[in-house]
Amino acid sequence: MYYKEIALRTNKSISTIKKWRLRIETLSGYRFKKVRRRVSKRSTQVFFDFTEAEVSKFIALSYLVDKTNKLDDSIKEV
């Protein structure tokens, strides 16, 4: 899954999901899977491909952030 699907499931913006991903990586050291896709004849782009388990954790994180308004504590709890 990509950012757009996570944004739809959590009712957050794509930029918020990107910021959360960066914060998760800095706090926990977890690395999300990157996928390289060809976008034209000569160039490729790197996308993040999230698993279903990671998406469910983003949904739980969204709920906790809405409840507590503390991103760092919510990341550590999830």
N, C-alpha and C. Protein backbone atom coordinates (compact mmCIF):
# COMPACT_ATOMS: atom_id res chain seq x y z
N MET A 1 0.83 -1.17 0.00
CA MET A 1 0.00 0.00 0.00
C MET A 1 0.87 1.24 0.00
N TYR A 2 0.32 2.29 -0.51
CA TYR A 2 1.06 3.53 -0.61
C TYR A 2 0.43 4.58 0.30
N TYR A 3 1.04 5.76 0.31
CA TYR A 3 0.60 6.84 1.20
C TYR A 3 -0.88 7.16 1.04
N LYS A 4 -1.38 7.16 -0.19
CA LYS A 4 -2.76 7.57 -0.44
C LYS A 4 -3.76 6.66 0.28
N GLU A 5 -3.53 5.35 0.24
CA GLU A 5 -4.44 4.42 0.90
C GLU A 5 -4.41 4.60 2.42
N ILE A 6 -3.22 4.83 2.97
CA ILE A 6 -3.12 5.05 4.42
C ILE A 6 -3.82 6.35 4.80
N ALA A 7 -3.66 7.38 3.97
CA ALA A 7 -4.31 8.66 4.25
C ALA A 7 -5.83 8.51 4.23
N LEU A 8 -6.35 7.71 3.32
CA LEU A 8 -7.79 7.49 3.27
C LEU A 8 -8.29 6.72 4.49
N ARG A 9 -7.54 5.74 4.93
CA ARG A 9 -7.96 4.92 6.08
C ARG A 9 -7.85 5.66 7.41
N THR A 10 -6.90 6.59 7.52
CA THR A 10 -6.70 7.29 8.79
C THR A 10 -7.36 8.67 8.83
N ASN A 11 -7.87 9.12 7.69
CA ASN A 11 -8.45 10.47 7.57
C ASN A 11 -7.43 11.56 7.90
N LYS A 12 -6.18 11.32 7.54
CA LYS A 12 -5.10 12.30 7.69
C LYS A 12 -4.56 12.63 6.30
N SER A 13 -3.83 13.72 6.20
CA SER A 13 -3.26 14.10 4.91
C SER A 13 -2.02 13.25 4.60
N ILE A 14 -1.66 13.23 3.34
CA ILE A 14 -0.49 12.47 2.92
C ILE A 14 0.77 13.05 3.56
N SER A 15 0.84 14.37 3.67
CA SER A 15 2.02 14.99 4.28
C SER A 15 2.14 14.60 5.76
N THR A 16 1.01 14.45 6.44
CA THR A 16 1.04 14.01 7.84
C THR A 16 1.58 12.59 7.94
N ILE A 17 1.15 11.71 7.05
CA ILE A 17 1.62 10.32 7.06
C ILE A 17 3.13 10.28 6.78
N LYS A 18 3.60 11.12 5.87
CA LYS A 18 5.03 11.17 5.57
C LYS A 18 5.82 11.64 6.80
N LYS A 19 5.31 12.65 7.49
CA LYS A 19 5.99 13.13 8.70
C LYS A 19 6.00 12.06 9.78
N TRP A 20 4.90 11.34 9.92
CA TRP A 20 4.83 10.25 10.91
C TRP A 20 5.84 9.17 10.57
N ARG A 21 5.96 8.82 9.27
CA ARG A 21 6.91 7.78 8.88
C ARG A 21 8.33 8.19 9.26
N LEU A 22 8.69 9.42 8.97
CA LEU A 22 10.02 9.91 9.34
C LEU A 22 10.23 9.87 10.85
N ARG A 23 9.23 10.26 11.60
CA ARG A 23 9.34 10.28 13.07
C ARG A 23 9.46 8.87 13.62
N ILE A 24 8.70 7.92 13.05
CA ILE A 24 8.78 6.52 13.47
C ILE A 24 10.19 5.99 13.22
N GLU A 25 10.75 6.31 12.06
CA GLU A 25 12.09 5.82 11.73
C GLU A 25 13.15 6.40 12.66
N THR A 26 13.01 7.67 13.06
CA THR A 26 14.01 8.26 13.95
C THR A 26 13.87 7.77 15.38
N LEU A 27 12.64 7.60 15.85
CA LEU A 27 12.44 7.18 17.24
C LEU A 27 12.72 5.70 17.47
N SER A 28 12.23 4.86 16.56
CA SER A 28 12.32 3.42 16.80
C SER A 28 13.44 2.74 16.01
N GLY A 29 13.92 3.38 14.97
CA GLY A 29 14.95 2.74 14.16
C GLY A 29 14.38 1.77 13.14
N TYR A 30 13.07 1.65 13.06
CA TYR A 30 12.40 0.76 12.11
C TYR A 30 12.52 1.34 10.71
N ARG A 31 12.77 0.50 9.73
CA ARG A 31 12.87 0.95 8.34
C ARG A 31 11.74 0.33 7.52
N PHE A 32 11.04 1.17 6.79
CA PHE A 32 9.96 0.70 5.93
C PHE A 32 10.53 0.25 4.59
N LYS A 33 9.83 -0.67 3.95
CA LYS A 33 10.30 -1.26 2.70
C LYS A 33 10.16 -0.27 1.55
N LYS A 34 11.24 -0.12 0.78
CA LYS A 34 11.23 0.74 -0.39
C LYS A 34 11.15 -0.12 -1.64
N VAL A 35 10.40 0.37 -2.63
CA VAL A 35 10.25 -0.33 -3.89
C VAL A 35 10.62 0.63 -5.02
N ARG A 36 11.44 0.16 -5.93
CA ARG A 36 11.83 0.99 -7.08
C ARG A 36 10.93 0.63 -8.26
N ARG A 37 10.26 1.64 -8.82
CA ARG A 37 9.36 1.45 -9.96
C ARG A 37 9.82 2.29 -11.14
N ARG A 38 9.67 1.74 -12.31
CA ARG A 38 9.99 2.49 -13.52
C ARG A 38 8.81 3.42 -13.83
N VAL A 39 9.10 4.70 -14.01
CA VAL A 39 8.05 5.67 -14.31
C VAL A 39 8.12 6.16 -15.76
N SER A 40 9.23 5.95 -16.40
CA SER A 40 9.36 6.25 -17.83
C SER A 40 10.45 5.35 -18.40
N LYS A 41 10.76 5.58 -19.64
CA LYS A 41 11.75 4.72 -20.30
C LYS A 41 13.12 4.82 -19.65
N ARG A 42 13.47 6.00 -19.14
CA ARG A 42 14.81 6.21 -18.63
C ARG A 42 14.91 6.43 -17.13
N SER A 43 13.80 6.58 -16.46
CA SER A 43 13.91 6.91 -15.03
C SER A 43 13.06 5.99 -14.16
N THR A 44 13.50 5.88 -12.94
CA THR A 44 12.76 5.11 -11.94
C THR A 44 12.56 5.99 -10.71
N GLN A 45 11.58 5.62 -9.90
CA GLN A 45 11.33 6.32 -8.65
C GLN A 45 11.24 5.32 -7.53
N VAL A 46 11.54 5.78 -6.32
CA VAL A 46 11.47 4.93 -5.15
C VAL A 46 10.19 5.27 -4.39
N PHE A 47 9.40 4.25 -4.08
CA PHE A 47 8.17 4.41 -3.31
C PHE A 47 8.28 3.56 -2.06
N PHE A 48 7.52 3.93 -1.04
CA PHE A 48 7.42 3.09 0.14
C PHE A 48 6.23 2.17 -0.04
N ASP A 49 6.43 0.89 0.21
CA ASP A 49 5.38 -0.12 0.08
C ASP A 49 5.07 -0.63 1.48
N PHE A 50 3.93 -0.22 2.03
CA PHE A 50 3.57 -0.57 3.40
C PHE A 50 2.79 -1.88 3.43
N THR A 51 3.09 -2.71 4.42
CA THR A 51 2.37 -3.97 4.59
C THR A 51 1.05 -3.70 5.32
N GLU A 52 0.20 -4.71 5.34
CA GLU A 52 -1.10 -4.57 6.01
C GLU A 52 -0.90 -4.36 7.51
N ALA A 53 0.10 -5.02 8.10
CA ALA A 53 0.38 -4.84 9.53
C ALA A 53 0.83 -3.42 9.82
N GLU A 54 1.65 -2.86 8.95
CA GLU A 54 2.10 -1.48 9.14
C GLU A 54 0.94 -0.50 9.01
N VAL A 55 0.03 -0.78 8.07
CA VAL A 55 -1.14 0.09 7.90
C VAL A 55 -2.02 0.06 9.14
N SER A 56 -2.21 -1.12 9.72
CA SER A 56 -3.03 -1.21 10.94
C SER A 56 -2.37 -0.46 12.09
N LYS A 57 -1.04 -0.45 12.13
CA LYS A 57 -0.35 0.32 13.17
C LYS A 57 -0.49 1.82 12.92
N PHE A 58 -0.50 2.25 11.66
CA PHE A 58 -0.75 3.66 11.36
C PHE A 58 -2.16 4.06 11.80
N ILE A 59 -3.13 3.17 11.62
CA ILE A 59 -4.50 3.45 12.06
C ILE A 59 -4.55 3.57 13.57
N ALA A 60 -3.88 2.67 14.28
CA ALA A 60 -3.83 2.74 15.75
C ALA A 60 -3.11 4.01 16.20
N LEU A 61 -2.05 4.37 15.50
CA LEU A 61 -1.32 5.60 15.82
C LEU A 61 -2.21 6.82 15.62
N SER A 62 -2.99 6.83 14.56
CA SER A 62 -3.90 7.94 14.30
C SER A 62 -4.91 8.09 15.44
N TYR A 63 -5.45 6.97 15.89
CA TYR A 63 -6.41 7.00 17.00
C TYR A 63 -5.75 7.55 18.27
N LEU A 64 -4.54 7.08 18.58
CA LEU A 64 -3.86 7.54 19.80
C LEU A 64 -3.48 9.02 19.72
N VAL A 65 -3.04 9.47 18.56
CA VAL A 65 -2.68 10.89 18.41
C VAL A 65 -3.91 11.77 18.57
N ASP A 66 -5.04 11.34 18.01
CA ASP A 66 -6.29 12.10 18.19
C ASP A 66 -6.70 12.15 19.65
N LYS A 67 -6.44 11.06 20.36
CA LYS A 67 -6.85 10.96 21.77
C LYS A 67 -5.93 11.75 22.69
N THR A 68 -4.60 11.67 22.47
CA THR A 68 -3.65 12.27 23.41
C THR A 68 -2.95 13.52 22.91
N ASN A 69 -2.92 13.75 21.60
CA ASN A 69 -2.19 14.87 20.98
C ASN A 69 -0.69 14.83 21.24
N LYS A 70 -0.14 13.65 21.50
CA LYS A 70 1.30 13.49 21.73
C LYS A 70 1.82 12.43 20.77
N LEU A 71 2.48 12.88 19.72
CA LEU A 71 2.94 11.97 18.67
C LEU A 71 4.03 11.03 19.17
N ASP A 72 5.04 11.56 19.84
CA ASP A 72 6.17 10.72 20.27
C ASP A 72 5.73 9.63 21.24
N ASP A 73 4.89 9.98 22.21
CA ASP A 73 4.39 8.99 23.16
C ASP A 73 3.53 7.94 22.47
N SER A 74 2.72 8.38 21.50
CA SER A 74 1.86 7.45 20.77
C SER A 74 2.69 6.48 19.93
N ILE A 75 3.77 6.97 19.33
CA ILE A 75 4.63 6.09 18.53
C ILE A 75 5.27 5.03 19.42
N LYS A 76 5.73 5.45 20.59
CA LYS A 76 6.36 4.50 21.50
C LYS A 76 5.36 3.47 22.01
N GLU A 77 4.10 3.86 22.17
CA GLU A 77 3.08 2.92 22.66
C GLU A 77 2.70 1.91 21.60
N VAL A 78 2.60 2.35 20.36
CA VAL A 78 2.23 1.44 19.27
C VAL A 78 3.43 0.58 18.94
